[in-house]
Protein backbone atom coordinates (compact mmCIF):
# COMPACT_ATOMS: atom_id res chain seq x y z
CA MET A 1 -19.96 -70.48 -12.84
CA VAL A 2 -20.12 -69.99 -16.62
CA LYS A 3 -22.96 -72.53 -16.85
CA LEU A 4 -24.93 -70.60 -14.20
CA VAL A 5 -24.58 -67.36 -16.16
CA GLU A 6 -25.49 -69.13 -19.41
CA ALA A 7 -28.59 -70.61 -17.75
CA ALA A 8 -29.67 -67.17 -16.50
CA ILE A 9 -29.18 -65.71 -19.98
CA ASP A 10 -31.19 -68.56 -21.52
CA GLU A 11 -33.99 -68.04 -19.01
CA HIS A 12 -34.20 -64.23 -19.07
CA ARG A 13 -32.99 -63.58 -22.65
CA PRO A 14 -31.38 -60.16 -22.00
CA SER A 15 -29.75 -58.10 -24.71
CA ILE A 16 -27.66 -56.18 -22.13
CA VAL A 17 -25.70 -57.80 -19.30
CA TYR A 18 -24.27 -55.74 -16.44
CA THR A 19 -21.41 -57.22 -14.42
CA GLN A 20 -18.92 -56.24 -11.76
CA HIS A 21 -15.68 -54.85 -13.04
CA GLY A 22 -12.95 -57.40 -13.67
CA GLY A 23 -10.27 -55.44 -11.82
CA ASP A 24 -11.95 -55.49 -8.40
CA VAL A 25 -10.05 -56.62 -5.32
CA ASN A 26 -12.94 -59.02 -4.62
CA VAL A 27 -12.02 -62.38 -6.14
CA ASP A 28 -15.68 -63.37 -6.52
CA HIS A 29 -16.27 -60.25 -8.61
CA ARG A 30 -13.36 -61.07 -10.87
CA CYS A 31 -14.64 -64.63 -11.31
CA THR A 32 -18.12 -63.35 -12.11
CA TYR A 33 -16.70 -60.94 -14.68
CA GLN A 34 -14.77 -63.76 -16.36
CA ALA A 35 -17.84 -66.02 -16.33
CA VAL A 36 -19.94 -63.28 -17.94
CA LEU A 37 -17.32 -62.79 -20.67
CA ALA A 38 -17.33 -66.51 -21.40
CA ALA A 39 -21.13 -66.84 -21.29
CA THR A 40 -21.67 -63.87 -23.59
CA ARG A 41 -18.92 -64.53 -26.11
CA PRO A 42 -20.00 -63.62 -29.62
CA GLY A 43 -21.26 -66.32 -31.90
CA PRO A 44 -24.30 -67.49 -33.83
CA GLY A 45 -27.44 -67.17 -31.74
CA GLN A 46 -25.88 -64.96 -29.06
CA ARG A 47 -28.64 -62.60 -27.92
CA VAL A 48 -26.43 -60.44 -25.70
CA THR A 49 -25.32 -57.42 -27.69
CA GLU A 50 -23.96 -55.32 -24.80
CA VAL A 51 -21.81 -56.16 -21.80
CA LEU A 52 -21.28 -53.28 -19.38
CA ALA A 53 -19.05 -53.36 -16.30
CA PHE A 54 -19.78 -51.29 -13.22
CA PRO A 55 -17.62 -50.38 -10.22
CA VAL A 56 -18.36 -51.72 -6.75
CA GLY A 57 -17.68 -49.44 -3.79
CA SER A 58 -14.88 -50.78 -1.57
CA SER A 59 -13.85 -53.25 -4.24
CA THR A 60 -13.12 -51.50 -7.56
CA ASP A 61 -11.87 -48.34 -5.86
CA ARG A 62 -9.77 -50.29 -3.35
CA ALA A 63 -7.74 -51.78 -6.20
CA PHE A 64 -6.35 -48.26 -6.73
CA GLN A 65 -6.20 -48.92 -10.48
CA ARG A 66 -3.48 -51.53 -9.90
CA ASN A 67 -5.45 -54.62 -10.89
CA SER A 68 -5.98 -55.40 -14.53
CA PRO A 69 -8.14 -54.52 -16.26
CA ARG A 70 -8.38 -50.98 -14.92
CA PHE A 71 -11.83 -49.44 -14.62
CA MET A 72 -12.17 -46.92 -17.44
CA PRO A 73 -15.76 -45.67 -17.66
CA ARG A 74 -16.83 -44.38 -21.03
CA LEU A 75 -20.58 -44.48 -20.48
CA LEU A 76 -22.23 -42.29 -17.87
CA VAL A 77 -25.96 -42.61 -17.22
CA ASP A 78 -27.94 -39.74 -15.69
CA VAL A 79 -29.47 -41.08 -12.45
CA THR A 80 -30.56 -37.75 -11.04
CA ASP A 81 -34.16 -38.94 -10.80
CA THR A 82 -33.31 -42.38 -9.39
CA ILE A 83 -30.40 -41.91 -6.95
CA ASP A 84 -32.82 -41.97 -3.99
CA THR A 85 -34.17 -45.31 -5.22
CA LYS A 86 -30.62 -46.70 -5.39
CA VAL A 87 -29.88 -45.63 -1.83
CA GLU A 88 -33.19 -47.13 -0.65
CA ALA A 89 -32.46 -50.37 -2.52
CA MET A 90 -29.00 -50.62 -0.97
CA ALA A 91 -30.63 -50.31 2.46
CA CYS A 92 -32.22 -53.71 1.73
CA TYR A 93 -28.70 -55.16 2.15
CA PRO A 94 -27.79 -54.07 5.68
CA ASP A 95 -24.82 -56.46 5.81
CA GLU A 96 -23.29 -54.64 2.84
CA MET A 97 -23.87 -51.09 4.09
CA ARG A 98 -21.39 -49.33 6.38
CA PRO A 99 -21.28 -45.96 8.14
CA PHE A 100 -19.72 -42.93 6.44
CA PRO A 101 -17.03 -42.54 5.14
CA HIS A 102 -17.21 -46.12 3.81
CA PRO A 103 -17.82 -46.32 0.02
CA ARG A 104 -21.13 -48.12 0.59
CA SER A 105 -22.57 -45.59 3.03
CA PRO A 106 -25.64 -43.64 1.85
CA GLU A 107 -23.63 -40.41 1.99
CA THR A 108 -20.83 -41.80 -0.17
CA LEU A 109 -23.24 -43.38 -2.65
CA ARG A 110 -24.77 -39.92 -3.18
CA ALA A 111 -21.39 -38.19 -3.28
CA THR A 112 -20.03 -40.68 -5.83
CA ALA A 113 -23.08 -40.17 -8.05
CA ALA A 114 -22.62 -36.40 -7.72
CA HIS A 115 -18.94 -36.73 -8.63
CA TRP A 116 -19.69 -38.67 -11.81
CA GLY A 117 -22.61 -36.37 -12.59
CA SER A 118 -20.39 -33.31 -12.34
CA ALA A 119 -18.14 -34.83 -15.01
CA VAL A 120 -21.00 -34.69 -17.52
CA GLY A 121 -23.08 -31.75 -16.28
CA VAL A 122 -25.89 -33.51 -14.41
CA ALA A 123 -26.64 -33.81 -10.69
CA ALA A 124 -25.95 -37.56 -10.47
CA ALA A 125 -24.59 -40.24 -12.79
CA GLU A 126 -23.55 -43.89 -12.74
CA PRO A 127 -20.36 -44.90 -14.58
CA PHE A 128 -20.07 -47.98 -16.76
CA GLU A 129 -17.26 -49.42 -18.82
CA PRO A 130 -18.46 -50.87 -22.11
CA VAL A 131 -16.82 -54.26 -22.46
CA ARG A 132 -18.53 -55.14 -25.73
CA ILE A 133 -21.26 -53.45 -27.74
CA LEU A 134 -22.69 -54.72 -31.00
CA ARG A 135 -24.80 -52.23 -32.94
């Protein structure tokens, strides 16, 4: 999996990589997180200067902060103007969506964004955990 991530980085040349949180209950998410860490490890010629982890509804939250590492967001991004776009984009994955009160229902996606937004004084926010940032 590391080689796949490295190939994508070589092709797209990002400076920021977003990945699932490493403490999810979903094993594939944990493997992806580990592959991203390996593929973006610091060294000469490494273009990736930021690695940010995000939570996945019904995976990060269902670990109940028992898996390690624990999700500890320290970066919140105002998505007030784009939360509708996120909900519409998620609708493109009908096999992943579920009816309320599931974490991936449209209602819960909006409520979660409102929850994080209320923590920082905006209508909607997305949480991220900085894994590594080079400035």
